[in-house]
Each structure stands twice: as C-alpha cells, then as structure tokens.
N, C-alpha and C. Protein backbone atom coordinates (compact mmCIF):
# COMPACT_ATOMS: atom_id res chain seq x y z
N MET A 1 25.37 -16.54 -1.91
CA MET A 1 24.38 -17.43 -2.59
C MET A 1 25.73 -18.37 -2.81
N SER A 2 25.67 -19.56 -2.35
CA SER A 2 26.55 -20.72 -2.68
C SER A 2 25.86 -21.62 -4.01
N ASP A 3 24.65 -21.48 -4.37
CA ASP A 3 24.22 -22.36 -5.18
C ASP A 3 24.87 -21.86 -6.43
N SER A 4 25.05 -22.69 -7.15
CA SER A 4 25.16 -22.03 -8.81
C SER A 4 23.99 -21.57 -9.43
N LEU A 5 23.94 -20.36 -10.24
CA LEU A 5 23.11 -19.92 -10.80
C LEU A 5 21.91 -20.59 -11.54
N GLU A 6 22.71 -21.38 -12.60
CA GLU A 6 21.70 -22.57 -13.02
C GLU A 6 20.59 -22.80 -11.63
N VAL A 7 21.24 -23.87 -10.91
CA VAL A 7 20.68 -24.46 -9.81
C VAL A 7 19.74 -23.22 -9.23
N ILE A 8 19.90 -21.70 -8.63
CA ILE A 8 18.94 -21.16 -8.14
C ILE A 8 17.40 -20.87 -9.26
N LEU A 9 18.05 -20.76 -10.63
CA LEU A 9 17.30 -20.40 -11.78
C LEU A 9 16.40 -21.73 -11.71
N ALA A 10 16.68 -22.76 -11.96
CA ALA A 10 15.78 -24.05 -12.16
C ALA A 10 14.85 -23.83 -10.55
N THR A 11 15.42 -23.57 -9.48
CA THR A 11 14.61 -23.84 -8.24
C THR A 11 13.29 -22.75 -8.60
N ILE A 12 13.84 -21.57 -8.78
CA ILE A 12 12.50 -20.23 -9.04
C ILE A 12 11.68 -20.98 -10.04
N GLY A 13 12.07 -21.40 -11.15
CA GLY A 13 11.09 -21.87 -12.30
C GLY A 13 10.41 -22.78 -11.83
N ALA A 14 10.90 -23.99 -11.36
CA ALA A 14 10.00 -24.98 -10.83
C ALA A 14 9.60 -24.75 -9.52
N GLY A 15 9.64 -23.74 -8.75
CA GLY A 15 8.72 -23.55 -7.36
C GLY A 15 7.70 -22.07 -7.36
N LEU A 16 8.18 -21.40 -8.63
CA LEU A 16 7.24 -20.01 -8.75
C LEU A 16 6.44 -19.96 -9.59
N PRO A 17 5.30 -19.30 -9.84
CA PRO A 17 4.91 -18.90 -11.24
C PRO A 17 5.15 -18.16 -11.65
N ARG A 18 5.09 -17.97 -13.31
CA ARG A 18 5.75 -16.70 -13.95
C ARG A 18 4.97 -15.25 -13.58
N HIS A 19 3.28 -15.97 -13.28
CA HIS A 19 2.75 -14.68 -12.92
C HIS A 19 1.34 -15.15 -12.25
N VAL A 20 0.91 -14.41 -11.12
CA VAL A 20 -0.21 -14.81 -10.36
C VAL A 20 -0.53 -13.54 -9.57
N ARG A 21 -2.08 -13.44 -9.39
CA ARG A 21 -2.56 -12.13 -9.01
C ARG A 21 -3.41 -12.39 -7.65
N TRP A 22 -3.14 -11.89 -6.73
CA TRP A 22 -3.89 -12.16 -5.67
C TRP A 22 -4.16 -10.95 -5.45
N THR A 23 -5.73 -10.83 -4.91
CA THR A 23 -6.54 -10.02 -4.55
C THR A 23 -6.64 -9.68 -2.68
N VAL A 24 -5.85 -8.64 -2.17
CA VAL A 24 -5.78 -8.48 -0.96
C VAL A 24 -6.90 -7.18 -0.34
N ASN A 25 -7.77 -7.53 0.02
CA ASN A 25 -8.54 -6.52 0.61
C ASN A 25 -8.84 -5.84 -0.36
N GLY A 26 -9.62 -6.52 -1.41
CA GLY A 26 -10.36 -5.68 -2.65
C GLY A 26 -9.00 -5.02 -3.67
N THR A 27 -7.84 -5.13 -2.98
CA THR A 27 -6.41 -4.49 -4.24
C THR A 27 -5.62 -5.76 -4.81
N PRO A 28 -5.97 -5.64 -6.24
CA PRO A 28 -5.07 -6.74 -6.62
C PRO A 28 -3.44 -6.47 -6.53
N LEU A 29 -2.91 -7.49 -6.24
CA LEU A 29 -1.36 -7.60 -6.13
C LEU A 29 -0.72 -8.87 -7.57
N ASP A 30 -0.05 -8.07 -7.97
CA ASP A 30 0.70 -9.28 -9.06
C ASP A 30 1.96 -9.53 -8.71
N PHE A 31 2.45 -10.82 -8.90
CA PHE A 31 3.52 -10.99 -8.64
C PHE A 31 4.06 -11.57 -10.35
N TYR A 32 5.09 -11.60 -10.56
CA TYR A 32 5.82 -11.94 -11.83
C TYR A 32 7.38 -12.83 -11.29
N PHE A 33 7.62 -13.66 -12.02
CA PHE A 33 8.86 -14.49 -11.57
C PHE A 33 9.06 -15.07 -13.21
N SER A 34 10.10 -14.72 -13.79
CA SER A 34 10.91 -14.99 -14.78
C SER A 34 12.34 -15.01 -14.93
N THR A 35 12.74 -16.37 -15.11
CA THR A 35 14.14 -16.48 -15.03
C THR A 35 14.53 -16.25 -16.47
N ASP A 36 13.57 -16.14 -17.60
CA ASP A 36 14.77 -15.89 -18.59
C ASP A 36 14.37 -14.53 -18.48
N ARG A 37 13.95 -13.56 -18.11
CA ARG A 37 13.48 -12.12 -17.81
C ARG A 37 14.37 -11.31 -16.78
N TYR A 38 14.51 -11.72 -16.05
CA TYR A 38 15.60 -11.27 -14.86
C TYR A 38 16.75 -12.21 -14.51
N GLY A 39 16.93 -13.46 -14.78
CA GLY A 39 18.03 -14.32 -14.65
C GLY A 39 18.85 -13.84 -14.08
N LEU A 40 18.25 -13.45 -12.56
CA LEU A 40 19.48 -13.52 -11.72
C LEU A 40 20.47 -12.45 -11.98
N ARG A 41 20.50 -11.41 -12.61
CA ARG A 41 21.03 -10.04 -12.89
C ARG A 41 20.82 -8.92 -12.08
N ARG A 42 21.94 -8.20 -12.23
CA ARG A 42 21.87 -6.98 -10.80
C ARG A 42 21.11 -5.83 -11.18
N VAL A 43 20.67 -4.89 -10.22
CA VAL A 43 19.72 -4.07 -10.70
C VAL A 43 20.72 -2.91 -11.52
N ALA A 44 19.88 -2.45 -12.76
CA ALA A 44 20.65 -1.37 -13.62
C ALA A 44 20.13 0.05 -13.30
N GLU A 45 20.76 0.79 -13.87
CA GLU A 45 19.95 2.23 -13.47
C GLU A 45 18.83 2.78 -14.12
N ASN A 46 18.52 1.91 -15.49
CA ASN A 46 16.96 1.80 -16.11
C ASN A 46 16.38 1.18 -15.07
N ASP A 47 16.41 0.32 -14.71
CA ASP A 47 15.45 -0.27 -13.11
C ASP A 47 14.77 0.60 -12.58
N VAL A 48 15.47 1.64 -12.22
CA VAL A 48 14.92 2.89 -11.09
C VAL A 48 14.72 3.70 -11.29
N VAL A 49 13.17 4.03 -11.03
CA VAL A 49 12.98 5.05 -11.22
C VAL A 49 12.86 5.94 -9.94
N GLY A 50 13.12 7.45 -9.93
CA GLY A 50 13.27 8.16 -8.69
C GLY A 50 14.81 8.35 -8.21
N GLY A 51 15.35 7.95 -9.07
CA GLY A 51 16.67 7.90 -7.93
C GLY A 51 17.94 7.11 -8.58
N PRO A 52 18.98 7.11 -8.11
CA PRO A 52 20.21 5.74 -8.79
C PRO A 52 19.96 4.95 -7.95
N VAL A 53 20.64 3.74 -8.21
CA VAL A 53 20.73 2.51 -7.67
C VAL A 53 21.40 2.74 -6.38
N PRO A 54 20.90 2.48 -5.25
CA PRO A 54 21.33 2.56 -4.25
C PRO A 54 22.34 1.82 -3.63
N GLU A 55 23.45 1.59 -2.92
CA GLU A 55 24.73 1.13 -3.23
C GLU A 55 24.09 -0.24 -2.18
N GLU A 56 23.32 -0.02 -1.40
CA GLU A 56 22.77 -1.66 -0.83
C GLU A 56 22.29 -2.39 -1.42
N TRP A 57 21.99 -2.27 -2.62
CA TRP A 57 21.34 -2.97 -3.79
C TRP A 57 22.43 -3.38 -4.65
N SER A 58 23.73 -3.30 -4.35
CA SER A 58 24.82 -3.58 -5.36
C SER A 58 24.85 -4.84 -5.04
N ASP A 59 24.90 -5.94 -4.34
CA ASP A 59 24.75 -7.77 -4.10
C ASP A 59 23.49 -7.99 -4.45
N CYS A 60 22.41 -7.57 -4.98
CA CYS A 60 21.36 -8.12 -4.84
C CYS A 60 20.77 -8.63 -5.95
N ARG A 61 20.56 -9.74 -6.56
CA ARG A 61 20.32 -10.13 -7.83
C ARG A 61 18.61 -10.55 -8.29
N LEU A 62 18.01 -10.06 -9.08
CA LEU A 62 16.70 -9.93 -9.42
C LEU A 62 16.04 -11.16 -9.66
N ILE A 63 15.06 -11.66 -8.84
CA ILE A 63 14.15 -12.84 -9.22
C ILE A 63 12.79 -12.65 -9.51
N GLY A 64 12.63 -11.53 -9.60
CA GLY A 64 10.89 -11.09 -9.95
C GLY A 64 10.62 -9.58 -9.19
N MET A 65 9.31 -9.16 -9.62
CA MET A 65 8.85 -7.81 -8.89
C MET A 65 7.07 -8.49 -8.69
N TYR A 66 7.15 -7.22 -8.05
CA TYR A 66 5.23 -7.54 -7.81
C TYR A 66 4.74 -5.94 -7.69
N ASP A 67 3.27 -6.16 -8.17
CA ASP A 67 2.84 -4.35 -8.48
C ASP A 67 1.30 -4.64 -7.76
N CYS A 68 1.28 -3.29 -6.96
CA CYS A 68 0.25 -3.27 -6.19
C CYS A 68 -0.59 -2.23 -7.00
N ALA A 69 -2.23 -2.59 -6.86
CA ALA A 69 -3.07 -1.72 -7.60
C ALA A 69 -3.02 -1.41 -9.14
N ASP A 70 -2.42 -2.10 -9.91
CA ASP A 70 -2.37 -2.41 -11.50
C ASP A 70 -1.66 -1.03 -11.42
N GLY A 71 -0.71 -0.82 -10.76
CA GLY A 71 0.19 0.10 -11.08
C GLY A 71 0.09 1.44 -10.36
N GLY A 72 -1.00 1.64 -9.78
CA GLY A 72 -1.24 2.80 -8.57
C GLY A 72 -0.69 2.39 -7.03
N GLY A 73 0.54 1.57 -7.25
CA GLY A 73 0.87 1.21 -5.80
C GLY A 73 2.41 1.19 -6.05
N ALA A 74 2.85 0.41 -5.04
CA ALA A 74 4.07 0.01 -5.13
C ALA A 74 4.45 -0.72 -6.00
N SER A 75 5.42 -0.90 -6.56
CA SER A 75 5.97 -1.83 -7.71
C SER A 75 7.66 -2.30 -7.08
N PRO A 76 7.58 -2.93 -6.17
CA PRO A 76 8.85 -3.43 -5.94
C PRO A 76 9.47 -4.52 -6.52
N TRP A 77 11.14 -4.71 -6.67
CA TRP A 77 11.68 -5.55 -7.32
C TRP A 77 11.85 -6.47 -6.17
N ILE A 78 12.24 -8.02 -6.54
CA ILE A 78 12.66 -8.68 -5.30
C ILE A 78 13.52 -9.81 -5.87
N ALA A 79 14.41 -9.92 -5.11
CA ALA A 79 15.75 -9.99 -5.36
C ALA A 79 16.51 -11.40 -4.35
N ILE A 80 17.33 -11.50 -4.34
CA ILE A 80 18.46 -12.40 -3.41
C ILE A 80 19.34 -11.92 -3.17
N ARG A 81 19.89 -11.29 -2.09
CA ARG A 81 21.15 -11.00 -2.00
C ARG A 81 22.18 -12.32 -1.31
N GLU A 82 23.29 -11.66 -2.16
CA GLU A 82 24.31 -12.41 -2.51
C GLU A 82 24.86 -12.83 -1.23
N SER A 83 25.01 -11.74 -0.30
CA SER A 83 25.90 -11.67 0.58
C SER A 83 25.41 -12.90 1.79
N ASP A 84 23.90 -13.17 1.84
CA ASP A 84 23.54 -14.20 2.97
C ASP A 84 22.75 -14.73 2.39
N GLY A 85 22.05 -14.56 0.82
CA GLY A 85 20.92 -15.43 0.29
C GLY A 85 19.54 -15.19 0.84
N PHE A 86 19.38 -13.98 1.43
CA PHE A 86 18.02 -13.74 2.02
C PHE A 86 17.49 -13.16 0.59
N VAL A 87 16.37 -13.37 0.50
CA VAL A 87 15.27 -12.60 -0.56
C VAL A 87 14.66 -11.41 0.04
N CYS A 88 14.86 -10.66 -0.60
CA CYS A 88 14.56 -9.45 -0.30
C CYS A 88 13.65 -8.36 -1.46
N GLY A 89 13.06 -7.37 -0.98
CA GLY A 89 12.36 -6.22 -1.42
C GLY A 89 13.05 -5.12 -1.74
N LEU A 90 13.00 -4.70 -2.96
CA LEU A 90 13.38 -3.44 -3.42
C LEU A 90 12.87 -2.35 -3.64
N ASP A 91 12.56 -1.12 -2.89
CA ASP A 91 11.66 0.05 -3.84
C ASP A 91 12.57 1.18 -3.35
N ILE A 92 12.70 1.80 -4.10
CA ILE A 92 13.37 3.27 -4.01
C ILE A 92 12.49 4.09 -3.61
N GLU A 93 10.92 4.11 -3.61
CA GLU A 93 10.31 5.02 -3.02
C GLU A 93 9.54 4.41 -1.51
N ARG A 94 10.11 3.62 -1.12
CA ARG A 94 9.09 2.93 0.03
C ARG A 94 9.79 3.90 1.43
N ASP A 95 9.09 4.25 2.00
CA ASP A 95 9.37 5.23 3.13
C ASP A 95 10.35 4.07 4.32
N GLY A 96 11.69 4.90 4.96
CA GLY A 96 12.38 4.06 5.57
C GLY A 96 13.51 3.60 4.81
N GLU A 97 13.63 2.42 4.82
CA GLU A 97 14.36 1.11 4.53
C GLU A 97 13.80 1.13 2.88
N ASN A 98 14.85 0.84 2.34
CA ASN A 98 14.49 0.83 0.57
C ASN A 98 14.94 -0.95 0.06
N ILE A 99 15.10 -1.74 0.99
CA ILE A 99 15.42 -2.62 1.17
C ILE A 99 14.89 -3.20 2.33
N PHE A 100 13.59 -4.50 2.18
CA PHE A 100 13.00 -4.84 3.28
C PHE A 100 13.18 -6.56 2.87
N ILE A 101 13.13 -7.12 4.13
CA ILE A 101 13.15 -8.70 3.91
C ILE A 101 12.19 -9.36 3.54
N PHE A 102 12.05 -10.36 2.74
CA PHE A 102 10.92 -11.44 2.75
C PHE A 102 11.23 -12.62 3.51
N ASN A 103 12.09 -13.12 3.29
CA ASN A 103 12.77 -14.54 4.26
C ASN A 103 14.22 -14.64 4.07
N SER A 104 14.81 -15.35 4.56
CA SER A 104 16.23 -15.89 5.11
C SER A 104 16.69 -16.67 3.80
N SER A 105 16.02 -17.46 3.09
CA SER A 105 16.31 -18.02 2.25
C SER A 105 15.49 -18.25 1.04
N LEU A 106 15.77 -18.74 -0.21
CA LEU A 106 15.03 -18.72 -1.40
C LEU A 106 13.91 -19.80 -1.26
N ASP A 107 14.39 -20.98 -0.88
CA ASP A 107 13.56 -22.03 -0.41
C ASP A 107 12.25 -21.73 0.73
N ARG A 108 12.59 -20.94 1.81
CA ARG A 108 11.82 -20.45 2.79
C ARG A 108 10.72 -19.66 1.57
N PHE A 109 11.21 -18.91 1.04
CA PHE A 109 10.51 -17.31 0.47
C PHE A 109 9.50 -18.74 -0.67
N ILE A 110 10.17 -19.67 -1.32
CA ILE A 110 9.03 -20.22 -2.03
C ILE A 110 8.05 -20.98 -1.47
N HIS A 111 8.35 -21.67 0.01
CA HIS A 111 7.39 -22.69 1.00
C HIS A 111 6.22 -21.28 1.48
N THR A 112 6.94 -19.95 1.79
CA THR A 112 5.81 -19.16 2.13
C THR A 112 5.07 -18.23 1.40
N PHE A 113 5.46 -18.42 -0.28
CA PHE A 113 4.91 -17.51 -1.50
C PHE A 113 3.54 -18.74 -1.44
N ASN A 114 4.09 -19.86 -1.53
CA ASN A 114 3.29 -20.90 -1.83
C ASN A 114 1.94 -21.46 -1.19
N MET A 115 2.25 -21.32 0.22
CA MET A 115 1.05 -21.49 1.23
C MET A 115 0.08 -20.01 1.37
N LEU A 116 1.03 -19.00 0.98
CA LEU A 116 0.22 -17.80 0.96
C LEU A 116 -0.70 -17.94 -0.36
N ASP A 117 -0.03 -18.27 -1.33
CA ASP A 117 -0.81 -18.21 -2.81
C ASP A 117 -2.12 -19.23 -2.68
N GLN A 118 -1.87 -20.18 -2.29
CA GLN A 118 -3.20 -21.58 -2.04
C GLN A 118 -4.50 -20.74 -1.72
N TYR A 119 -4.49 -19.62 -0.65
CA TYR A 119 -5.41 -18.97 -0.31
C TYR A 119 -6.10 -17.93 -1.19
N LEU A 120 -5.14 -16.88 -1.37
CA LEU A 120 -4.75 -15.39 -2.02
C LEU A 120 -5.09 -15.65 -3.40
N ARG A 121 -4.77 -16.77 -3.87
CA ARG A 121 -4.90 -16.51 -5.52
C ARG A 121 -6.46 -17.05 -6.01
N ALA A 122 -7.10 -17.72 -5.18
CA ALA A 122 -8.41 -18.27 -4.87
C ALA A 122 -9.17 -17.17 -4.50
N GLY A 123 -8.88 -15.93 -4.05
CA GLY A 123 -9.72 -15.18 -3.11
C GLY A 123 -10.25 -16.06 -1.81
N ARG A 124 -9.43 -16.75 -1.27
CA ARG A 124 -9.74 -17.43 -0.08
C ARG A 124 -9.51 -16.66 1.27
N LYS A 125 -10.31 -16.95 2.56
CA LYS A 125 -9.90 -16.39 3.51
C LYS A 125 -8.57 -17.06 4.04
N LEU A 126 -7.89 -16.37 4.69
CA LEU A 126 -6.37 -16.94 5.49
C LEU A 126 -7.35 -17.68 6.87
N PRO A 127 -6.53 -18.80 6.97
CA PRO A 127 -6.93 -19.30 8.15
C PRO A 127 -6.59 -18.54 9.43
N PRO A 128 -7.11 -18.83 10.65
CA PRO A 128 -6.96 -18.25 11.53
C PRO A 128 -5.24 -18.53 12.10
N ASP A 129 -4.61 -19.84 11.94
CA ASP A 129 -3.57 -19.82 12.27
C ASP A 129 -2.54 -19.46 11.33
N ILE A 130 -2.54 -19.01 10.44
CA ILE A 130 -1.86 -18.61 9.26
C ILE A 130 -0.52 -17.90 9.70
N LYS A 131 -0.68 -17.05 10.60
CA LYS A 131 0.28 -16.22 10.69
C LYS A 131 1.53 -17.17 11.69
N SER A 132 1.34 -18.06 12.46
CA SER A 132 1.97 -19.28 13.42
C SER A 132 2.20 -20.24 12.33
N GLN A 133 1.72 -20.34 11.19
CA GLN A 133 2.25 -21.54 10.07
C GLN A 133 3.17 -20.53 9.31
N VAL A 134 3.32 -19.66 8.57
CA VAL A 134 3.85 -19.11 8.02
C VAL A 134 5.23 -18.52 8.85
N GLY A 135 5.24 -18.34 10.08
CA GLY A 135 6.14 -17.79 11.18
C GLY A 135 7.04 -19.32 11.45
N ALA A 136 6.51 -20.03 11.54
CA ALA A 136 7.53 -21.42 11.57
C ALA A 136 8.30 -21.93 10.51
N MET A 137 8.15 -21.36 9.49
CA MET A 137 9.02 -21.14 8.45
C MET A 137 10.11 -20.77 8.28
N ASP A 138 10.06 -19.63 8.84
CA ASP A 138 11.33 -18.77 9.03
C ASP A 138 11.47 -18.34 10.06
N PRO A 139 11.40 -18.46 11.40
CA PRO A 139 11.05 -18.06 12.82
C PRO A 139 11.70 -16.91 13.00
N LYS A 140 13.49 -16.59 12.59
CA LYS A 140 13.98 -15.75 12.85
C LYS A 140 13.80 -14.59 12.28
N MET A 141 13.56 -14.81 10.98
CA MET A 141 12.99 -13.65 10.26
C MET A 141 11.51 -13.33 10.20
N PHE A 142 10.51 -14.02 10.33
CA PHE A 142 9.65 -13.95 10.46
C PHE A 142 8.57 -12.52 10.97
N PRO A 143 9.48 -12.05 12.47
CA PRO A 143 9.03 -11.07 12.96
C PRO A 143 9.20 -9.68 12.03
N LEU A 144 10.18 -9.79 11.43
CA LEU A 144 10.87 -8.66 10.76
C LEU A 144 10.57 -8.64 9.43
N SER A 145 9.45 -9.66 8.62
CA SER A 145 9.41 -9.73 7.21
C SER A 145 8.36 -9.00 6.68
N ASP A 146 8.38 -8.58 5.36
CA ASP A 146 6.93 -8.13 4.84
C ASP A 146 5.93 -9.12 4.63
N TRP A 147 6.11 -10.57 4.85
CA TRP A 147 5.12 -11.27 4.74
C TRP A 147 4.21 -11.08 6.12
N ARG A 148 4.88 -10.97 7.38
CA ARG A 148 4.19 -10.65 8.51
C ARG A 148 3.27 -9.09 8.39
N LYS A 149 3.35 -8.62 7.93
CA LYS A 149 2.87 -7.22 7.71
C LYS A 149 1.92 -7.40 6.51
N LEU A 150 1.93 -8.21 5.83
CA LEU A 150 1.17 -8.12 4.42
C LEU A 150 0.18 -9.09 5.57
N ILE A 151 0.23 -10.27 6.11
CA ILE A 151 -0.57 -11.36 6.54
C ILE A 151 -1.43 -10.18 7.79
N GLU A 152 -0.78 -9.33 8.61
CA GLU A 152 -1.56 -8.62 9.52
C GLU A 152 -2.20 -7.34 8.97
N HIS A 153 -1.79 -7.12 7.85
CA HIS A 153 -2.81 -6.25 7.35
C HIS A 153 -4.26 -6.82 6.69
N ILE A 154 -3.80 -7.98 6.10
CA ILE A 154 -5.09 -8.50 5.70
C ILE A 154 -6.10 -9.15 6.82
N ILE A 155 -5.31 -9.69 7.89
CA ILE A 155 -6.09 -10.08 8.81
C ILE A 155 -6.96 -8.99 9.65
N ASP A 156 -6.37 -7.62 9.53
CA ASP A 156 -6.80 -6.35 10.29
C ASP A 156 -7.86 -5.94 9.96
N GLU A 157 -8.23 -6.06 8.53
CA GLU A 157 -9.47 -5.38 7.74
C GLU A 157 -10.40 -6.17 7.94
C-alpha cells in the first residue's frame, strides 16, 4: 500500500457506506465499513473464530466485513493486502482458500461496490450487461473475483 493510512481511511469514509443491506435472492447481505472501528488494523487472534490467524493474513489490514443471512451464513472480513493493494475477503471457515479476491485496488473495489449497490440496496434486478460492466472495472481480476461469483449467483437464480 503506497498511500498513507490517512488517505486510505479518507477514501473509504468518502466512498463506502458505514452499513448497507443488500438482498440477494431473498437472503440479506449486510456490509459494514467503519474507519474508526477497523482503522486499517491487522487481524488479531480475537477476530478469528475457529482457529488462529492464518499466516497469509499477516499483511492484510481490515476495512470492513460482511454478514450473510443475519449471522446464519458467512461473516468474512474485508481487507487491503499490503503487499499488492488488493482488496480481499478473509474467512477462516471458507472451503478451499481462506483469502479471496474482490479487486486489485481500493478504488476499483469502491467503484464495483457502488455499481452493485445502486441495484441491490434498492432490491432492483441487475441489468443484463452487469457482468461486462463490472468486469471492465478490473478486467484482469474479475474472472477470479468474488464479485463474479456473486453476480453469477444472482443471475442464475
């Protein structure tokens, strides 16, 4: 992360809501971004239920979290990885990799989040070309991203 912590915190505060609820195929998905609560801190042992902090999380700084199904589903952290600036999800209980990619930068994450937010917050149907719109924001990472998986899940239902 080449930007100062203050610049990153200001970008998060200006670009992302403190809390928003999306409904995805009837299931609530709550996102929380709080610069004063998370403050780009590293993941601590008491942040992880179900095991110690994985080594691959050591260069990740928290920017938020999301909760699926009012606590009945996954509740991953959202973090910026210092080594490359990628915005990642961190989930100790996830099958396969416990770190997964959203975007290759904070700016691309904010743009992607806000594009989806304009539909999902209001319960509106995603437009038919949403996959190509979101993919164009981060073309190298989109095929690997959790955004792609979420969009395909919504469209396939």
